Amino acid sequence: MARAVRDIAQDIRALSAEDKLDLLRTLIAELDTPADPDVERIWLETAQRRYRELVEGKVKGVPGPLVFERLHTRLGG
């Protein structure tokens, strides 16, 4: 790394609030992209397969409130 993170952080602190916000938005946008370019396709295929399994009766759906109740119990809330 050419510059230490400490130096970069110091430069960022010197920016205006608007410039900091622009930088933050840019960094979040970069981090928010899938690491694998095929991830969107894979998610879509998975969702379609699971929907077919539900429609065909291969799996049984669980009502949303029951899912949250189970999570609440499991997480000790």
PDB file of N, CA and C in Angstrom:
ATOM      1  N   MET A   1       0.853  -1.169   0.000  1.00  0.00           N
ATOM      2  CA  MET A   1       0.000   0.000   0.000  1.00  0.00           C
ATOM      3  C   MET A   1       0.902   1.236   0.000  1.00  0.00           C
ATOM      4  N   ALA A   2       0.636   2.138  -0.918  1.00  0.00           N
ATOM      5  CA  ALA A   2       1.503   3.297  -1.090  1.00  0.00           C
ATOM      6  C   ALA A   2       1.418   4.264   0.088  1.00  0.00           C
ATOM      7  N   ARG A   3       0.227   4.468   0.617  1.00  0.00           N
ATOM      8  CA  ARG A   3       0.050   5.397   1.739  1.00  0.00           C
ATOM      9  C   ARG A   3      -0.574   4.659   2.911  1.00  0.00           C
ATOM     10  N   ALA A   4      -0.165   5.002   4.077  1.00  0.00           N
ATOM     11  CA  ALA A   4      -0.735   4.384   5.267  1.00  0.00           C
ATOM     12  C   ALA A   4      -2.173   4.847   5.441  1.00  0.00           C
ATOM     13  N   VAL A   5      -2.996   3.965   5.964  1.00  0.00           N
ATOM     14  CA  VAL A   5      -4.406   4.295   6.196  1.00  0.00           C
ATOM     15  C   VAL A   5      -4.517   5.523   7.094  1.00  0.00           C
ATOM     16  N   ARG A   6      -3.627   5.637   8.035  1.00  0.00           N
ATOM     17  CA  ARG A   6      -3.640   6.796   8.953  1.00  0.00           C
ATOM     18  C   ARG A   6      -3.527   8.105   8.168  1.00  0.00           C
ATOM     19  N   ASP A   7      -2.660   8.129   7.160  1.00  0.00           N
ATOM     20  CA  ASP A   7      -2.488   9.341   6.347  1.00  0.00           C
ATOM     21  C   ASP A   7      -3.739   9.635   5.533  1.00  0.00           C
ATOM     22  N   ILE A   8      -4.314   8.588   4.990  1.00  0.00           N
ATOM     23  CA  ILE A   8      -5.538   8.762   4.195  1.00  0.00           C
ATOM     24  C   ILE A   8      -6.661   9.268   5.079  1.00  0.00           C
ATOM     25  N   ALA A   9      -6.800   8.705   6.279  1.00  0.00           N
ATOM     26  CA  ALA A   9      -7.844   9.147   7.212  1.00  0.00           C
ATOM     27  C   ALA A   9      -7.668  10.615   7.556  1.00  0.00           C
ATOM     28  N   GLN A  10      -6.444  11.039   7.722  1.00  0.00           N
ATOM     29  CA  GLN A  10      -6.180  12.444   8.034  1.00  0.00           C
ATOM     30  C   GLN A  10      -6.639  13.334   6.881  1.00  0.00           C
ATOM     31  N   ASP A  11      -6.351  12.913   5.659  1.00  0.00           N
ATOM     32  CA  ASP A  11      -6.792  13.683   4.492  1.00  0.00           C
ATOM     33  C   ASP A  11      -8.315  13.742   4.418  1.00  0.00           C
ATOM     34  N   ILE A  12      -8.961  12.644   4.747  1.00  0.00           N
ATOM     35  CA  ILE A  12     -10.421  12.602   4.698  1.00  0.00           C
ATOM     36  C   ILE A  12     -11.011  13.573   5.710  1.00  0.00           C
ATOM     37  N   ARG A  13     -10.427  13.622   6.902  1.00  0.00           N
ATOM     38  CA  ARG A  13     -10.927  14.541   7.933  1.00  0.00           C
ATOM     39  C   ARG A  13     -10.848  15.998   7.481  1.00  0.00           C
ATOM     40  N   ALA A  14      -9.949  16.308   6.600  1.00  0.00           N
ATOM     41  CA  ALA A  14      -9.791  17.675   6.114  1.00  0.00           C
ATOM     42  C   ALA A  14     -10.812  18.045   5.039  1.00  0.00           C
ATOM     43  N   LEU A  15     -11.544  17.051   4.528  1.00  0.00           N
ATOM     44  CA  LEU A  15     -12.539  17.318   3.489  1.00  0.00           C
ATOM     45  C   LEU A  15     -13.758  18.024   4.061  1.00  0.00           C
ATOM     46  N   SER A  16     -14.486  18.682   3.172  1.00  0.00           N
ATOM     47  CA  SER A  16     -15.756  19.287   3.581  1.00  0.00           C
ATOM     48  C   SER A  16     -16.771  18.171   3.830  1.00  0.00           C
ATOM     49  N   ALA A  17     -17.832  18.496   4.521  1.00  0.00           N
ATOM     50  CA  ALA A  17     -18.876  17.504   4.799  1.00  0.00           C
ATOM     51  C   ALA A  17     -19.454  16.949   3.500  1.00  0.00           C
ATOM     52  N   GLU A  18     -19.633  17.809   2.519  1.00  0.00           N
ATOM     53  CA  GLU A  18     -20.182  17.368   1.231  1.00  0.00           C
ATOM     54  C   GLU A  18     -19.228  16.399   0.526  1.00  0.00           C
ATOM     55  N   ASP A  19     -17.932  16.699   0.547  1.00  0.00           N
ATOM     56  CA  ASP A  19     -16.949  15.821  -0.085  1.00  0.00           C
ATOM     57  C   ASP A  19     -16.856  14.481   0.652  1.00  0.00           C
ATOM     58  N   LYS A  20     -16.954  14.527   1.985  1.00  0.00           N
ATOM     59  CA  LYS A  20     -16.950  13.290   2.763  1.00  0.00           C
ATOM     60  C   LYS A  20     -18.144  12.420   2.382  1.00  0.00           C
ATOM     61  N   LEU A  21     -19.299  13.047   2.224  1.00  0.00           N
ATOM     62  CA  LEU A  21     -20.502  12.315   1.848  1.00  0.00           C
ATOM     63  C   LEU A  21     -20.355  11.697   0.462  1.00  0.00           C
ATOM     64  N   ASP A  22     -19.810  12.447  -0.472  1.00  0.00           N
ATOM     65  CA  ASP A  22     -19.577  11.909  -1.823  1.00  0.00           C
ATOM     66  C   ASP A  22     -18.621  10.717  -1.776  1.00  0.00           C
ATOM     67  N   LEU A  23     -17.559  10.837  -0.997  1.00  0.00           N
ATOM     68  CA  LEU A  23     -16.590   9.749  -0.867  1.00  0.00           C
ATOM     69  C   LEU A  23     -17.252   8.529  -0.240  1.00  0.00           C
ATOM     70  N   LEU A  24     -18.030   8.758   0.797  1.00  0.00           N
ATOM     71  CA  LEU A  24     -18.715   7.659   1.469  1.00  0.00           C
ATOM     72  C   LEU A  24     -19.662   6.932   0.519  1.00  0.00           C
ATOM     73  N   ARG A  25     -20.430   7.688  -0.246  1.00  0.00           N
ATOM     74  CA  ARG A  25     -21.348   7.072  -1.214  1.00  0.00           C
ATOM     75  C   ARG A  25     -20.582   6.245  -2.244  1.00  0.00           C
ATOM     76  N   THR A  26     -19.466   6.759  -2.706  1.00  0.00           N
ATOM     77  CA  THR A  26     -18.660   6.040  -3.686  1.00  0.00           C
ATOM     78  C   THR A  26     -18.127   4.739  -3.101  1.00  0.00           C
ATOM     79  N   LEU A  27     -17.609   4.794  -1.877  1.00  0.00           N
ATOM     80  CA  LEU A  27     -17.059   3.595  -1.247  1.00  0.00           C
ATOM     81  C   LEU A  27     -18.145   2.557  -0.979  1.00  0.00           C
ATOM     82  N   ILE A  28     -19.303   2.992  -0.514  1.00  0.00           N
ATOM     83  CA  ILE A  28     -20.401   2.060  -0.259  1.00  0.00           C
ATOM     84  C   ILE A  28     -20.851   1.408  -1.552  1.00  0.00           C
ATOM     85  N   ALA A  29     -20.945   2.183  -2.621  1.00  0.00           N
ATOM     86  CA  ALA A  29     -21.353   1.627  -3.915  1.00  0.00           C
ATOM     87  C   ALA A  29     -20.365   0.555  -4.379  1.00  0.00           C
ATOM     88  N   GLU A  30     -19.085   0.789  -4.158  1.00  0.00           N
ATOM     89  CA  GLU A  30     -18.078  -0.207  -4.543  1.00  0.00           C
ATOM     90  C   GLU A  30     -18.193  -1.469  -3.706  1.00  0.00           C
ATOM     91  N   LEU A  31     -18.424  -1.296  -2.418  1.00  0.00           N
ATOM     92  CA  LEU A  31     -18.507  -2.451  -1.521  1.00  0.00           C
ATOM     93  C   LEU A  31     -19.821  -3.201  -1.674  1.00  0.00           C
ATOM     94  N   ASP A  32     -20.838  -2.527  -2.184  1.00  0.00           N
ATOM     95  CA  ASP A  32     -22.168  -3.112  -2.280  1.00  0.00           C
ATOM     96  C   ASP A  32     -22.362  -3.979  -3.518  1.00  0.00           C
ATOM     97  N   THR A  33     -21.383  -4.024  -4.373  1.00  0.00           N
ATOM     98  CA  THR A  33     -21.516  -4.838  -5.577  1.00  0.00           C
ATOM     99  C   THR A  33     -21.131  -6.278  -5.253  1.00  0.00           C
ATOM    100  N   PRO A  34     -21.781  -7.232  -5.893  1.00  0.00           N
ATOM    101  CA  PRO A  34     -21.454  -8.636  -5.634  1.00  0.00           C
ATOM    102  C   PRO A  34     -20.005  -8.950  -6.006  1.00  0.00           C
ATOM    103  N   ALA A  35     -19.356  -9.754  -5.184  1.00  0.00           N
ATOM    104  CA  ALA A  35     -17.993 -10.156  -5.473  1.00  0.00           C
ATOM    105  C   ALA A  35     -17.949 -11.065  -6.697  1.00  0.00           C
ATOM    106  N   ASP A  36     -18.986 -11.873  -6.863  1.00  0.00           N
ATOM    107  CA  ASP A  36     -19.071 -12.804  -7.974  1.00  0.00           C
ATOM    108  C   ASP A  36     -20.037 -12.233  -9.004  1.00  0.00           C
ATOM    109  N   PRO A  37     -19.590 -12.017 -10.233  1.00  0.00           N
ATOM    110  CA  PRO A  37     -20.475 -11.434 -11.236  1.00  0.00           C
ATOM    111  C   PRO A  37     -21.696 -12.308 -11.540  1.00  0.00           C
ATOM    112  N   ASP A  38     -21.640 -13.586 -11.204  1.00  0.00           N
ATOM    113  CA  ASP A  38     -22.758 -14.485 -11.476  1.00  0.00           C
ATOM    114  C   ASP A  38     -23.746 -14.583 -10.320  1.00  0.00           C
ATOM    115  N   VAL A  39     -23.513 -13.826  -9.234  1.00  0.00           N
ATOM    116  CA  VAL A  39     -24.335 -13.989  -8.036  1.00  0.00           C
ATOM    117  C   VAL A  39     -25.811 -13.663  -8.296  1.00  0.00           C
ATOM    118  N   GLU A  40     -26.098 -12.653  -9.084  1.00  0.00           N
ATOM    119  CA  GLU A  40     -27.493 -12.305  -9.373  1.00  0.00           C
ATOM    120  C   GLU A  40     -28.194 -13.444 -10.113  1.00  0.00           C
ATOM    121  N   ARG A  41     -27.519 -14.011 -11.092  1.00  0.00           N
ATOM    122  CA  ARG A  41     -28.081 -15.120 -11.856  1.00  0.00           C
ATOM    123  C   ARG A  41     -28.320 -16.324 -10.947  1.00  0.00           C
ATOM    124  N   ILE A  42     -27.364 -16.601 -10.087  1.00  0.00           N
ATOM    125  CA  ILE A  42     -27.481 -17.744  -9.185  1.00  0.00           C
ATOM    126  C   ILE A  42     -28.648 -17.550  -8.219  1.00  0.00           C
ATOM    127  N   TRP A  43     -28.795 -16.329  -7.666  1.00  0.00           N
ATOM    128  CA  TRP A  43     -29.929 -16.049  -6.762  1.00  0.00           C
ATOM    129  C   TRP A  43     -31.252 -16.240  -7.493  1.00  0.00           C
ATOM    130  N   LEU A  44     -31.340 -15.754  -8.730  1.00  0.00           N
ATOM    131  CA  LEU A  44     -32.571 -15.886  -9.502  1.00  0.00           C
ATOM    132  C   LEU A  44     -32.887 -17.355  -9.755  1.00  0.00           C
ATOM    133  N   GLU A  45     -31.897 -18.125 -10.149  1.00  0.00           N
ATOM    134  CA  GLU A  45     -32.110 -19.561 -10.384  1.00  0.00           C
ATOM    135  C   GLU A  45     -32.565 -20.265  -9.109  1.00  0.00           C
ATOM    136  N   THR A  46     -31.964 -19.915  -7.989  1.00  0.00           N
ATOM    137  CA  THR A  46     -32.339 -20.516  -6.709  1.00  0.00           C
ATOM    138  C   THR A  46     -33.772 -20.161  -6.344  1.00  0.00           C
ATOM    139  N   ALA A  47     -34.136 -18.893  -6.506  1.00  0.00           N
ATOM    140  CA  ALA A  47     -35.501 -18.460  -6.187  1.00  0.00           C
ATOM    141  C   ALA A  47     -36.519 -19.172  -7.075  1.00  0.00           C
ATOM    142  N   GLN A  48     -36.212 -19.300  -8.361  1.00  0.00           N
ATOM    143  CA  GLN A  48     -37.126 -19.986  -9.274  1.00  0.00           C
ATOM    144  C   GLN A  48     -37.267 -21.465  -8.914  1.00  0.00           C
ATOM    145  N   ARG A  49     -36.159 -22.106  -8.597  1.00  0.00           N
ATOM    146  CA  ARG A  49     -36.195 -23.518  -8.215  1.00  0.00           C
ATOM    147  C   ARG A  49     -37.008 -23.710  -6.950  1.00  0.00           C
ATOM    148  N   ARG A  50     -36.804 -22.866  -5.955  1.00  0.00           N
ATOM    149  CA  ARG A  50     -37.524 -23.001  -4.694  1.00  0.00           C
ATOM    150  C   ARG A  50     -39.019 -22.729  -4.880  1.00  0.00           C
ATOM    151  N   TYR A  51     -39.340 -21.785  -5.749  1.00  0.00           N
ATOM    152  CA  TYR A  51     -40.748 -21.508  -6.039  1.00  0.00           C
ATOM    153  C   TYR A  51     -41.400 -22.728  -6.700  1.00  0.00           C
ATOM    154  N   ARG A  52     -40.700 -23.323  -7.672  1.00  0.00           N
ATOM    155  CA  ARG A  52     -41.235 -24.524  -8.333  1.00  0.00           C
ATOM    156  C   ARG A  52     -41.461 -25.639  -7.314  1.00  0.00           C
ATOM    157  N   GLU A  53     -40.506 -25.838  -6.420  1.00  0.00           N
ATOM    158  CA  GLU A  53     -40.639 -26.880  -5.400  1.00  0.00           C
ATOM    159  C   GLU A  53     -41.864 -26.623  -4.519  1.00  0.00           C
ATOM    160  N   LEU A  54     -42.133 -25.377  -4.218  1.00  0.00           N
ATOM    161  CA  LEU A  54     -43.294 -25.022  -3.408  1.00  0.00           C
ATOM    162  C   LEU A  54     -44.593 -25.284  -4.171  1.00  0.00           C
ATOM    163  N   VAL A  55     -44.644 -24.833  -5.420  1.00  0.00           N
ATOM    164  CA  VAL A  55     -45.837 -25.007  -6.251  1.00  0.00           C
ATOM    165  C   VAL A  55     -46.111 -26.488  -6.512  1.00  0.00           C
ATOM    166  N   GLU A  56     -45.060 -27.263  -6.736  1.00  0.00           N
ATOM    167  CA  GLU A  56     -45.207 -28.691  -7.026  1.00  0.00           C
ATOM    168  C   GLU A  56     -45.448 -29.531  -5.774  1.00  0.00           C
ATOM    169  N   GLY A  57     -45.426 -28.895  -4.612  1.00  0.00           N
ATOM    170  CA  GLY A  57     -45.681 -29.613  -3.374  1.00  0.00           C
ATOM    171  C   GLY A  57     -44.502 -30.413  -2.850  1.00  0.00           C
ATOM    172  N   LYS A  58     -43.330 -30.187  -3.395  1.00  0.00           N
ATOM    173  CA  LYS A  58     -42.138 -30.903  -2.934  1.00  0.00           C
ATOM    174  C   LYS A  58     -41.693 -30.410  -1.556  1.00  0.00           C
ATOM    175  N   VAL A  59     -41.999 -29.166  -1.264  1.00  0.00           N
ATOM    176  CA  VAL A  59     -41.697 -28.592   0.046  1.00  0.00           C
ATOM    177  C   VAL A  59     -42.950 -27.898   0.563  1.00  0.00           C
ATOM    178  N   LYS A  60     -43.001 -27.706   1.869  1.00  0.00           N
ATOM    179  CA  LYS A  60     -44.149 -27.044   2.475  1.00  0.00           C
ATOM    180  C   LYS A  60     -43.708 -25.671   2.978  1.00  0.00           C
ATOM    181  N   GLY A  61     -44.485 -24.666   2.675  1.00  0.00           N
ATOM    182  CA  GLY A  61     -44.175 -23.320   3.127  1.00  0.00           C
ATOM    183  C   GLY A  61     -44.422 -23.166   4.621  1.00  0.00           C
ATOM    184  N   VAL A  62     -43.741 -22.206   5.210  1.00  0.00           N
ATOM    185  CA  VAL A  62     -43.922 -21.889   6.624  1.00  0.00           C
ATOM    186  C   VAL A  62     -44.435 -20.448   6.693  1.00  0.00           C
ATOM    187  N   PRO A  63     -45.553 -20.233   7.374  1.00  0.00           N
ATOM    188  CA  PRO A  63     -46.092 -18.870   7.465  1.00  0.00           C
ATOM    189  C   PRO A  63     -45.081 -17.908   8.101  1.00  0.00           C
ATOM    190  N   GLY A  64     -45.031 -16.711   7.577  1.00  0.00           N
ATOM    191  CA  GLY A  64     -44.086 -15.701   8.054  1.00  0.00           C
ATOM    192  C   GLY A  64     -44.096 -15.499   9.559  1.00  0.00           C
ATOM    193  N   PRO A  65     -45.280 -15.317  10.183  1.00  0.00           N
ATOM    194  CA  PRO A  65     -45.293 -15.109  11.633  1.00  0.00           C
ATOM    195  C   PRO A  65     -44.649 -16.265  12.409  1.00  0.00           C
ATOM    196  N   LEU A  66     -44.823 -17.486  11.923  1.00  0.00           N
ATOM    197  CA  LEU A  66     -44.214 -18.635  12.577  1.00  0.00           C
ATOM    198  C   LEU A  66     -42.689 -18.601  12.431  1.00  0.00           C
ATOM    199  N   VAL A  67     -42.219 -18.194  11.267  1.00  0.00           N
ATOM    200  CA  VAL A  67     -40.778 -18.068  11.039  1.00  0.00           C
ATOM    201  C   VAL A  67     -40.184 -17.088  12.050  1.00  0.00           C
ATOM    202  N   PHE A  68     -40.831 -15.927  12.198  1.00  0.00           N
ATOM    203  CA  PHE A  68     -40.306 -14.915  13.113  1.00  0.00           C
ATOM    204  C   PHE A  68     -40.408 -15.363  14.568  1.00  0.00           C
ATOM    205  N   GLU A  69     -41.463 -16.074  14.901  1.00  0.00           N
ATOM    206  CA  GLU A  69     -41.608 -16.600  16.261  1.00  0.00           C
ATOM    207  C   GLU A  69     -40.465 -17.574  16.565  1.00  0.00           C
ATOM    208  N   ARG A  70     -40.164 -18.452  15.625  1.00  0.00           N
ATOM    209  CA  ARG A  70     -39.085 -19.413  15.809  1.00  0.00           C
ATOM    210  C   ARG A  70     -37.734 -18.713  15.941  1.00  0.00           C
ATOM    211  N   LEU A  71     -37.519 -17.708  15.104  1.00  0.00           N
ATOM    212  CA  LEU A  71     -36.263 -16.940  15.182  1.00  0.00           C
ATOM    213  C   LEU A  71     -36.142 -16.249  16.543  1.00  0.00           C
ATOM    214  N   HIS A  72     -37.231 -15.645  16.965  1.00  0.00           N
ATOM    215  CA  HIS A  72     -37.242 -14.939  18.240  1.00  0.00           C
ATOM    216  C   HIS A  72     -36.882 -15.911  19.369  1.00  0.00           C
ATOM    217  N   THR A  73     -37.464 -17.091  19.331  1.00  0.00           N
ATOM    218  CA  THR A  73     -37.182 -18.108  20.354  1.00  0.00           C
ATOM    219  C   THR A  73     -35.734 -18.581  20.266  1.00  0.00           C
ATOM    220  N   ARG A  74     -35.282 -18.846  19.062  1.00  0.00           N
ATOM    221  CA  ARG A  74     -33.929 -19.353  18.863  1.00  0.00           C
ATOM    222  C   ARG A  74     -32.873 -18.347  19.278  1.00  0.00           C
ATOM    223  N   LEU A  75     -33.147 -17.065  19.027  1.00  0.00           N
ATOM    224  CA  LEU A  75     -32.169 -16.031  19.352  1.00  0.00           C
ATOM    225  C   LEU A  75     -32.294 -15.549  20.787  1.00  0.00           C
ATOM    226  N   GLY A  76     -33.219 -16.135  21.524  1.00  0.00           N
ATOM    227  CA  GLY A  76     -33.332 -15.803  22.943  1.00  0.00           C
ATOM    228  C   GLY A  76     -33.968 -14.468  23.227  1.00  0.00           C
ATOM    229  N   GLY A  77     -34.770 -13.976  22.284  1.00  0.00           N
ATOM    230  CA  GLY A  77     -35.376 -12.667  22.486  1.00  0.00           C
ATOM    231  C   GLY A  77     -36.618 -12.768  23.220  1.00  0.00           C
TER     232      GLY A  77
END
